[in-house]
Amino acid sequence: MTLESYVLSELLRQAGNHLWQSTIFAVVAFLLTLALRSTHARARHWILLVASLKFLVPFALLAELGDLLGSRVVPAAPAAHIPLVVGQVMQPFALPEPVVPTLVAAPTHDLAFTIHAVVFVCWLAGFAAVLFHWWDRWRRARAVVRAAVPLREGRAVDALRRVRSKGVLRLPDIRLVSSTARMEPGIFGIFRPVLWLPDRIADHLSDTELEAILAHELCHARRRDNLAAAFHMVVEAVFWFHPLVWWLGVRMVEERER
């Protein structure tokens, strides 16, 4: 076994362990959302978001973090004076030393390395494709928002003032823009969000309907839903091959809209 093949096989083994652990975590989260289907959608959304973020955090890292914190918080126990025989019995079983494969520098790559390299290249291609997809969508939305016209007066602006005056949705000032692009109303941006509306949408809605749409979008901005969606986009890019990850994304959107 060559050094390159051993390193790749070890990485794939660790990735496989992390993958099935995260899958079990996501399944448990799904069962928990079923048990809480009568509660508020916010709770189910948070459970699904935690299950999504778990794909980015291996259990091994959490275990090491727990050991590190435990060693700093819990003081070391004083040494107990016990008989020699009892002390020997309490010692853990001696495990055999792990066998480290002999790493031989081979002039040509073996079959295992070729297979592992093909798997890695396939993953990298999928990762790049998903990233490009999300970047293209972001670029199109950003172009629409940049070309939009700021709204400073009109029924939409008056409706936004009425929603904010109720005191339920206390937010920093948010820009209201409009354009003729064929998109649904939405919040764009994470740290400086912009509320986009289709051109002349107020002409086709009553005041109550218009206020409901604005309140809905302001809820997204208040909860930083775009930030949560961005985190899950990273998960989808890294684990693009896992159908459960895409299912999590669909369920998160459903609960977020509820």
C-alpha atoms as a PDB file:
ATOM      1  CA  MET A   1       0.000   0.000   0.000  1.00  0.00           C
ATOM      2  CA  THR A   2       1.439   3.341  -1.005  1.00  0.00           C
ATOM      3  CA  LEU A   3       1.443   6.388   1.230  1.00  0.00           C
ATOM      4  CA  GLU A   4      -1.011   8.247  -1.018  1.00  0.00           C
ATOM      5  CA  SER A   5      -3.449   5.329  -1.022  1.00  0.00           C
ATOM      6  CA  TYR A   6      -3.262   4.975   2.762  1.00  0.00           C
ATOM      7  CA  VAL A   7      -3.949   8.684   3.339  1.00  0.00           C
ATOM      8  CA  LEU A   8      -6.901   8.715   0.940  1.00  0.00           C
ATOM      9  CA  SER A   9      -8.397   5.535   2.382  1.00  0.00           C
ATOM     10  CA  GLU A  10      -8.097   6.940   5.909  1.00  0.00           C
ATOM     11  CA  LEU A  11      -9.804  10.167   4.863  1.00  0.00           C
ATOM     12  CA  LEU A  12     -12.623   8.242   3.195  1.00  0.00           C
ATOM     13  CA  ARG A  13     -13.021   6.067   6.296  1.00  0.00           C
ATOM     14  CA  GLN A  14     -13.316   9.112   8.546  1.00  0.00           C
ATOM     15  CA  ALA A  15     -15.737  10.733   6.102  1.00  0.00           C
ATOM     16  CA  GLY A  16     -17.837   7.566   6.041  1.00  0.00           C
ATOM     17  CA  ASN A  17     -18.043   7.468   9.837  1.00  0.00           C
ATOM     18  CA  HIS A  18     -19.070  11.111   9.975  1.00  0.00           C
ATOM     19  CA  LEU A  19     -21.634  10.559   7.212  1.00  0.00           C
ATOM     20  CA  TRP A  20     -23.556   7.756   8.872  1.00  0.00           C
ATOM     21  CA  GLN A  21     -23.436   9.496  12.254  1.00  0.00           C
ATOM     22  CA  SER A  22     -24.894  12.675  10.739  1.00  0.00           C
ATOM     23  CA  THR A  23     -27.503  10.617   8.888  1.00  0.00           C
ATOM     24  CA  ILE A  24     -28.687   9.013  12.125  1.00  0.00           C
ATOM     25  CA  PHE A  25     -28.750  12.461  13.757  1.00  0.00           C
ATOM     26  CA  ALA A  26     -30.921  13.797  10.901  1.00  0.00           C
ATOM     27  CA  VAL A  27     -33.320  10.844  11.116  1.00  0.00           C
ATOM     28  CA  VAL A  28     -33.732  11.416  14.871  1.00  0.00           C
ATOM     29  CA  ALA A  29     -34.359  15.112  14.186  1.00  0.00           C
ATOM     30  CA  PHE A  30     -37.030  14.189  11.645  1.00  0.00           C
ATOM     31  CA  LEU A  31     -38.771  11.903  14.155  1.00  0.00           C
ATOM     32  CA  LEU A  32     -38.604  14.721  16.701  1.00  0.00           C
ATOM     33  CA  THR A  33     -40.308  17.135  14.299  1.00  0.00           C
ATOM     34  CA  LEU A  34     -43.062  14.575  13.783  1.00  0.00           C
ATOM     35  CA  ALA A  35     -43.556  14.375  17.529  1.00  0.00           C
ATOM     36  CA  LEU A  36     -43.698  18.193  17.693  1.00  0.00           C
ATOM     37  CA  ARG A  37     -45.940  18.733  14.668  1.00  0.00           C
ATOM     38  CA  SER A  38     -48.565  20.365  16.892  1.00  0.00           C
ATOM     39  CA  THR A  39     -46.107  22.962  18.231  1.00  0.00           C
ATOM     40  CA  HIS A  40     -44.873  26.175  16.644  1.00  0.00           C
ATOM     41  CA  ALA A  41     -43.126  25.884  13.286  1.00  0.00           C
ATOM     42  CA  ARG A  42     -40.173  27.852  14.678  1.00  0.00           C
ATOM     43  CA  ALA A  43     -39.224  24.937  16.945  1.00  0.00           C
ATOM     44  CA  ARG A  44     -39.315  22.431  14.092  1.00  0.00           C
ATOM     45  CA  HIS A  45     -37.253  24.759  11.895  1.00  0.00           C
ATOM     46  CA  TRP A  46     -34.563  25.034  14.573  1.00  0.00           C
ATOM     47  CA  ILE A  47     -34.429  21.259  14.967  1.00  0.00           C
ATOM     48  CA  LEU A  48     -33.956  20.797  11.225  1.00  0.00           C
ATOM     49  CA  LEU A  49     -31.318  23.558  11.139  1.00  0.00           C
ATOM     50  CA  VAL A  50     -29.333  21.855  13.910  1.00  0.00           C
ATOM     51  CA  ALA A  51     -29.546  18.573  11.995  1.00  0.00           C
ATOM     52  CA  SER A  52     -28.232  20.377   8.917  1.00  0.00           C
ATOM     53  CA  LEU A  53     -25.334  22.002  10.775  1.00  0.00           C
ATOM     54  CA  LYS A  54     -24.425  18.633  12.294  1.00  0.00           C
ATOM     55  CA  PHE A  55     -23.212  17.582   8.832  1.00  0.00           C
ATOM     56  CA  LEU A  56     -20.493  20.233   9.179  1.00  0.00           C
ATOM     57  CA  VAL A  57     -19.408  19.216  12.703  1.00  0.00           C
ATOM     58  CA  PRO A  58     -17.999  15.693  13.192  1.00  0.00           C
ATOM     59  CA  PHE A  59     -18.723  13.884  16.455  1.00  0.00           C
ATOM     60  CA  ALA A  60     -14.987  13.418  16.939  1.00  0.00           C
ATOM     61  CA  LEU A  61     -14.531  17.185  17.101  1.00  0.00           C
ATOM     62  CA  LEU A  62     -17.352  17.503  19.643  1.00  0.00           C
ATOM     63  CA  ALA A  63     -15.822  14.716  21.751  1.00  0.00           C
ATOM     64  CA  GLU A  64     -12.402  16.381  21.765  1.00  0.00           C
ATOM     65  CA  LEU A  65     -14.025  19.700  22.647  1.00  0.00           C
ATOM     66  CA  GLY A  66     -15.878  18.052  25.540  1.00  0.00           C
ATOM     67  CA  ASP A  67     -12.694  16.440  26.820  1.00  0.00           C
ATOM     68  CA  LEU A  68     -10.892  19.778  26.634  1.00  0.00           C
ATOM     69  CA  LEU A  69     -13.625  21.618  28.528  1.00  0.00           C
ATOM     70  CA  GLY A  70     -13.962  18.793  31.044  1.00  0.00           C
ATOM     71  CA  SER A  71     -10.264  18.817  31.835  1.00  0.00           C
ATOM     72  CA  ARG A  72     -10.454  22.526  32.627  1.00  0.00           C
ATOM     73  CA  VAL A  73     -13.656  22.447  34.652  1.00  0.00           C
ATOM     74  CA  VAL A  74     -13.453  19.150  36.576  1.00  0.00           C
ATOM     75  CA  PRO A  75     -10.494  19.023  39.020  1.00  0.00           C
ATOM     76  CA  ALA A  76      -8.308  15.955  39.013  1.00  0.00           C
ATOM     77  CA  ALA A  77      -9.290  13.384  41.652  1.00  0.00           C
ATOM     78  CA  PRO A  78      -6.712  12.812  44.420  1.00  0.00           C
ATOM     79  CA  ALA A  79      -4.733   9.613  44.173  1.00  0.00           C
ATOM     80  CA  ALA A  80      -6.329   6.868  46.278  1.00  0.00           C
ATOM     81  CA  HIS A  81      -4.203   4.494  48.367  1.00  0.00           C
ATOM     82  CA  ILE A  82      -5.502   1.037  47.456  1.00  0.00           C
ATOM     83  CA  PRO A  83      -3.926  -2.396  47.667  1.00  0.00           C
ATOM     84  CA  LEU A  84      -1.750  -3.455  44.768  1.00  0.00           C
ATOM     85  CA  VAL A  85      -4.022  -6.341  43.741  1.00  0.00           C
ATOM     86  CA  VAL A  86      -7.132  -4.150  43.666  1.00  0.00           C
ATOM     87  CA  GLY A  87      -5.261  -1.569  41.676  1.00  0.00           C
ATOM     88  CA  GLN A  88      -4.260  -4.128  39.109  1.00  0.00           C
ATOM     89  CA  VAL A  89      -7.858  -5.365  38.767  1.00  0.00           C
ATOM     90  CA  MET A  90      -9.134  -1.842  38.210  1.00  0.00           C
ATOM     91  CA  GLN A  91      -6.716  -1.247  35.369  1.00  0.00           C
ATOM     92  CA  PRO A  92      -8.358  -1.243  31.910  1.00  0.00           C
ATOM     93  CA  PHE A  93      -7.800  -4.180  29.617  1.00  0.00           C
ATOM     94  CA  ALA A  94      -4.619  -3.877  27.612  1.00  0.00           C
ATOM     95  CA  LEU A  95      -5.589  -3.607  23.982  1.00  0.00           C
ATOM     96  CA  PRO A  96      -3.203  -4.804  21.318  1.00  0.00           C
ATOM     97  CA  GLU A  97      -1.228  -2.151  19.550  1.00  0.00           C
ATOM     98  CA  PRO A  98      -2.856  -1.093  16.282  1.00  0.00           C
ATOM     99  CA  VAL A  99      -1.188  -2.512  13.251  1.00  0.00           C
ATOM    100  CA  VAL A 100       0.093   0.249  11.046  1.00  0.00           C
ATOM    101  CA  PRO A 101       0.292  -0.794   7.413  1.00  0.00           C
ATOM    102  CA  THR A 102       3.700  -0.789   5.889  1.00  0.00           C
ATOM    103  CA  LEU A 103       3.993   2.152   3.581  1.00  0.00           C
ATOM    104  CA  VAL A 104       6.007   1.255   0.541  1.00  0.00           C
ATOM    105  CA  ALA A 105       6.939   3.787  -2.056  1.00  0.00           C
ATOM    106  CA  ALA A 106       5.695   2.198  -5.252  1.00  0.00           C
ATOM    107  CA  PRO A 107       6.713   3.437  -8.664  1.00  0.00           C
ATOM    108  CA  THR A 108       3.114   3.312  -9.870  1.00  0.00           C
ATOM    109  CA  HIS A 109      -0.190   4.006  -8.130  1.00  0.00           C
ATOM    110  CA  ASP A 110      -2.083   0.916  -7.010  1.00  0.00           C
ATOM    111  CA  LEU A 111      -5.717   0.142  -7.759  1.00  0.00           C
ATOM    112  CA  ALA A 112      -6.971   1.404  -4.392  1.00  0.00           C
ATOM    113  CA  PHE A 113      -5.431   4.806  -4.924  1.00  0.00           C
ATOM    114  CA  THR A 114      -7.017   5.047  -8.376  1.00  0.00           C
ATOM    115  CA  ILE A 115     -10.453   4.226  -7.009  1.00  0.00           C
ATOM    116  CA  HIS A 116     -10.097   6.721  -4.165  1.00  0.00           C
ATOM    117  CA  ALA A 117      -8.865   9.406  -6.540  1.00  0.00           C
ATOM    118  CA  VAL A 118     -11.854   8.852  -8.862  1.00  0.00           C
ATOM    119  CA  VAL A 119     -14.238   9.142  -5.901  1.00  0.00           C
ATOM    120  CA  PHE A 120     -12.593  12.386  -4.803  1.00  0.00           C
ATOM    121  CA  VAL A 121     -12.699  13.877  -8.306  1.00  0.00           C
ATOM    122  CA  CYS A 122     -16.406  13.002  -8.629  1.00  0.00           C
ATOM    123  CA  TRP A 123     -17.133  14.662  -5.292  1.00  0.00           C
ATOM    124  CA  LEU A 124     -15.125  17.737  -6.275  1.00  0.00           C
ATOM    125  CA  ALA A 125     -17.021  18.042  -9.566  1.00  0.00           C
ATOM    126  CA  GLY A 126     -20.384  17.869  -7.780  1.00  0.00           C
ATOM    127  CA  PHE A 127     -19.212  20.356  -5.147  1.00  0.00           C
ATOM    128  CA  ALA A 128     -18.152  22.827  -7.844  1.00  0.00           C
ATOM    129  CA  ALA A 129     -21.429  22.371  -9.765  1.00  0.00           C
ATOM    130  CA  VAL A 130     -23.583  23.089  -6.703  1.00  0.00           C
ATOM    131  CA  LEU A 131     -21.478  26.110  -5.777  1.00  0.00           C
ATOM    132  CA  PHE A 132     -21.817  27.469  -9.300  1.00  0.00           C
ATOM    133  CA  HIS A 133     -25.587  26.942  -9.178  1.00  0.00           C
ATOM    134  CA  TRP A 134     -25.950  28.893  -5.945  1.00  0.00           C
ATOM    135  CA  TRP A 135     -23.562  31.613  -7.144  1.00  0.00           C
ATOM    136  CA  ASP A 136     -25.518  32.024 -10.387  1.00  0.00           C
ATOM    137  CA  ARG A 137     -28.806  32.397  -8.493  1.00  0.00           C
ATOM    138  CA  TRP A 138     -27.244  34.911  -6.113  1.00  0.00           C
ATOM    139  CA  ARG A 139     -25.780  36.880  -9.031  1.00  0.00           C
ATOM    140  CA  ARG A 140     -29.158  37.098 -10.794  1.00  0.00           C
ATOM    141  CA  ALA A 141     -30.994  38.168  -7.650  1.00  0.00           C
ATOM    142  CA  ARG A 142     -28.315  40.751  -6.841  1.00  0.00           C
ATOM    143  CA  ALA A 143     -28.615  42.219 -10.349  1.00  0.00           C
ATOM    144  CA  VAL A 144     -32.396  42.538  -9.939  1.00  0.00           C
ATOM    145  CA  VAL A 145     -32.105  44.261  -6.568  1.00  0.00           C
ATOM    146  CA  ARG A 146     -29.409  46.629  -7.800  1.00  0.00           C
ATOM    147  CA  ALA A 147     -31.548  47.634 -10.778  1.00  0.00           C
ATOM    148  CA  ALA A 148     -34.662  48.097  -8.615  1.00  0.00           C
ATOM    149  CA  VAL A 149     -36.140  51.506  -7.858  1.00  0.00           C
ATOM    150  CA  PRO A 150     -36.323  52.551  -4.177  1.00  0.00           C
ATOM    151  CA  LEU A 151     -39.874  53.187  -2.958  1.00  0.00           C
ATOM    152  CA  ARG A 152     -40.212  56.344  -0.882  1.00  0.00           C
ATOM    153  CA  GLU A 153     -43.957  56.968  -1.152  1.00  0.00           C
ATOM    154  CA  GLY A 154     -47.119  55.171  -2.131  1.00  0.00           C
ATOM    155  CA  ARG A 155     -49.413  52.504  -0.687  1.00  0.00           C
ATOM    156  CA  ALA A 156     -46.606  50.008  -0.147  1.00  0.00           C
ATOM    157  CA  VAL A 157     -44.579  52.493   1.893  1.00  0.00           C
ATOM    158  CA  ASP A 158     -47.657  53.472   3.917  1.00  0.00           C
ATOM    159  CA  ALA A 159     -48.435  49.803   4.565  1.00  0.00           C
ATOM    160  CA  LEU A 160     -44.864  49.211   5.738  1.00  0.00           C
ATOM    161  CA  ARG A 161     -45.171  52.119   8.183  1.00  0.00           C
ATOM    162  CA  ARG A 162     -48.420  50.705   9.545  1.00  0.00           C
ATOM    163  CA  VAL A 163     -46.877  47.266  10.069  1.00  0.00           C
ATOM    164  CA  ARG A 164     -43.875  48.716  11.868  1.00  0.00           C
ATOM    165  CA  SER A 165     -46.036  51.037  13.983  1.00  0.00           C
ATOM    166  CA  LYS A 166     -47.839  48.066  15.535  1.00  0.00           C
ATOM    167  CA  GLY A 167     -44.683  47.311  17.534  1.00  0.00           C
ATOM    168  CA  VAL A 168     -44.761  43.593  16.789  1.00  0.00           C
ATOM    169  CA  LEU A 169     -41.860  43.670  14.343  1.00  0.00           C
ATOM    170  CA  ARG A 170     -39.227  46.016  15.699  1.00  0.00           C
ATOM    171  CA  LEU A 171     -36.459  46.164  13.130  1.00  0.00           C
ATOM    172  CA  PRO A 172     -33.859  48.630  11.930  1.00  0.00           C
ATOM    173  CA  ASP A 173     -34.832  50.545   8.843  1.00  0.00           C
ATOM    174  CA  ILE A 174     -35.099  48.291   5.820  1.00  0.00           C
ATOM    175  CA  ARG A 175     -35.007  49.457   2.224  1.00  0.00           C
ATOM    176  CA  LEU A 176     -38.126  48.879   0.138  1.00  0.00           C
ATOM    177  CA  VAL A 177     -37.464  48.546  -3.591  1.00  0.00           C
ATOM    178  CA  SER A 178     -39.472  47.540  -6.639  1.00  0.00           C
ATOM    179  CA  SER A 179     -38.879  46.523 -10.266  1.00  0.00           C
ATOM    180  CA  THR A 180     -40.576  44.784 -13.187  1.00  0.00           C
ATOM    181  CA  ALA A 181     -38.565  41.565 -12.786  1.00  0.00           C
ATOM    182  CA  ARG A 182     -40.666  38.402 -12.640  1.00  0.00           C
ATOM    183  CA  MET A 183     -40.008  37.309  -9.068  1.00  0.00           C
ATOM    184  CA  GLU A 184     -41.991  36.877  -5.889  1.00  0.00           C
ATOM    185  CA  PRO A 185     -41.738  39.397  -3.039  1.00  0.00           C
ATOM    186  CA  GLY A 186     -38.750  38.581  -0.895  1.00  0.00           C
ATOM    187  CA  ILE A 187     -35.944  39.628   1.436  1.00  0.00           C
ATOM    188  CA  PHE A 188     -32.499  39.818  -0.162  1.00  0.00           C
ATOM    189  CA  GLY A 189     -29.272  40.087   1.784  1.00  0.00           C
ATOM    190  CA  ILE A 190     -28.211  38.968   5.250  1.00  0.00           C
ATOM    191  CA  PHE A 191     -26.671  41.852   7.159  1.00  0.00           C
ATOM    192  CA  ARG A 192     -28.293  44.713   5.190  1.00  0.00           C
ATOM    193  CA  PRO A 193     -31.505  43.151   3.926  1.00  0.00           C
ATOM    194  CA  VAL A 194     -33.623  44.700   1.193  1.00  0.00           C
ATOM    195  CA  LEU A 195     -37.346  44.054   0.783  1.00  0.00           C
ATOM    196  CA  TRP A 196     -38.179  43.653  -2.912  1.00  0.00           C
ATOM    197  CA  LEU A 197     -41.705  43.968  -4.343  1.00  0.00           C
ATOM    198  CA  PRO A 198     -42.975  43.484  -7.898  1.00  0.00           C
ATOM    199  CA  ASP A 199     -43.800  46.705  -9.672  1.00  0.00           C
ATOM    200  CA  ARG A 200     -47.364  47.986  -9.055  1.00  0.00           C
ATOM    201  CA  ILE A 201     -48.236  45.064  -6.797  1.00  0.00           C
ATOM    202  CA  ALA A 202     -50.125  47.439  -4.513  1.00  0.00           C
ATOM    203  CA  ASP A 203     -52.606  48.153  -7.319  1.00  0.00           C
ATOM    204  CA  HIS A 204     -53.875  44.553  -7.158  1.00  0.00           C
ATOM    205  CA  LEU A 205     -54.060  44.058  -3.377  1.00  0.00           C
ATOM    206  CA  SER A 206     -56.108  45.415  -0.523  1.00  0.00           C
ATOM    207  CA  ASP A 207     -54.440  47.165   2.403  1.00  0.00           C
ATOM    208  CA  THR A 208     -54.849  44.067   4.574  1.00  0.00           C
ATOM    209  CA  GLU A 209     -53.300  41.778   1.939  1.00  0.00           C
ATOM    210  CA  LEU A 210     -50.411  44.171   1.377  1.00  0.00           C
ATOM    211  CA  GLU A 211     -49.695  44.439   5.093  1.00  0.00           C
ATOM    212  CA  ALA A 212     -49.781  40.644   5.419  1.00  0.00           C
ATOM    213  CA  ILE A 213     -47.145  40.248   2.679  1.00  0.00           C
ATOM    214  CA  LEU A 214     -44.896  42.890   4.212  1.00  0.00           C
ATOM    215  CA  ALA A 215     -45.247  41.413   7.717  1.00  0.00           C
ATOM    216  CA  HIS A 216     -44.398  37.967   6.343  1.00  0.00           C
ATOM    217  CA  GLU A 217     -41.204  39.210   4.723  1.00  0.00           C
ATOM    218  CA  LEU A 218     -40.221  41.259   7.766  1.00  0.00           C
ATOM    219  CA  CYS A 219     -40.472  38.081   9.854  1.00  0.00           C
ATOM    220  CA  HIS A 220     -37.868  36.493   7.566  1.00  0.00           C
ATOM    221  CA  ALA A 221     -35.563  39.475   8.086  1.00  0.00           C
ATOM    222  CA  ARG A 222     -36.041  39.501  11.870  1.00  0.00           C
ATOM    223  CA  ARG A 223     -35.213  35.789  12.210  1.00  0.00           C
ATOM    224  CA  ARG A 224     -32.201  36.023   9.860  1.00  0.00           C
ATOM    225  CA  ASP A 225     -33.663  33.262   7.720  1.00  0.00           C
ATOM    226  CA  ASN A 226     -31.311  34.117   4.865  1.00  0.00           C
ATOM    227  CA  LEU A 227     -28.345  33.387   7.129  1.00  0.00           C
ATOM    228  CA  ALA A 228     -29.774  29.979   8.057  1.00  0.00           C
ATOM    229  CA  ALA A 229     -30.417  29.285   4.376  1.00  0.00           C
ATOM    230  CA  ALA A 230     -26.817  30.212   3.544  1.00  0.00           C
ATOM    231  CA  PHE A 231     -25.509  27.711   6.100  1.00  0.00           C
ATOM    232  CA  HIS A 232     -27.631  24.969   4.586  1.00  0.00           C
ATOM    233  CA  MET A 233     -26.397  25.893   1.107  1.00  0.00           C
ATOM    234  CA  VAL A 234     -22.888  25.090   2.317  1.00  0.00           C
ATOM    235  CA  VAL A 235     -24.140  21.728   3.601  1.00  0.00           C
ATOM    236  CA  GLU A 236     -25.802  21.001   0.248  1.00  0.00           C
ATOM    237  CA  ALA A 237     -22.610  21.881  -1.604  1.00  0.00           C
ATOM    238  CA  VAL A 238     -20.394  19.636   0.538  1.00  0.00           C
ATOM    239  CA  PHE A 239     -22.867  16.733   0.787  1.00  0.00           C
ATOM    240  CA  TRP A 240     -24.522  17.122  -2.616  1.00  0.00           C
ATOM    241  CA  PHE A 241     -24.622  13.337  -3.055  1.00  0.00           C
ATOM    242  CA  HIS A 242     -26.756  12.738   0.075  1.00  0.00           C
ATOM    243  CA  PRO A 243     -30.531  12.810  -0.652  1.00  0.00           C
ATOM    244  CA  LEU A 244     -31.320  13.409   3.021  1.00  0.00           C
ATOM    245  CA  VAL A 245     -29.503  16.747   2.876  1.00  0.00           C
ATOM    246  CA  TRP A 246     -31.732  17.960   0.041  1.00  0.00           C
ATOM    247  CA  TRP A 247     -34.801  16.675   1.856  1.00  0.00           C
ATOM    248  CA  LEU A 248     -33.735  18.679   4.922  1.00  0.00           C
ATOM    249  CA  GLY A 249     -33.565  21.794   2.746  1.00  0.00           C
ATOM    250  CA  VAL A 250     -37.117  21.281   1.469  1.00  0.00           C
ATOM    251  CA  ARG A 251     -38.477  20.744   4.967  1.00  0.00           C
ATOM    252  CA  MET A 252     -36.634  23.808   6.296  1.00  0.00           C
ATOM    253  CA  VAL A 253     -38.214  25.979   3.602  1.00  0.00           C
ATOM    254  CA  GLU A 254     -41.665  24.618   4.439  1.00  0.00           C
ATOM    255  CA  GLU A 255     -41.287  25.271   8.162  1.00  0.00           C
ATOM    256  CA  ARG A 256     -39.706  28.665   7.530  1.00  0.00           C
ATOM    257  CA  GLU A 257     -42.685  29.771   5.456  1.00  0.00           C
ATOM    258  CA  ARG A 258     -45.105  28.489   8.079  1.00  0.00           C
END
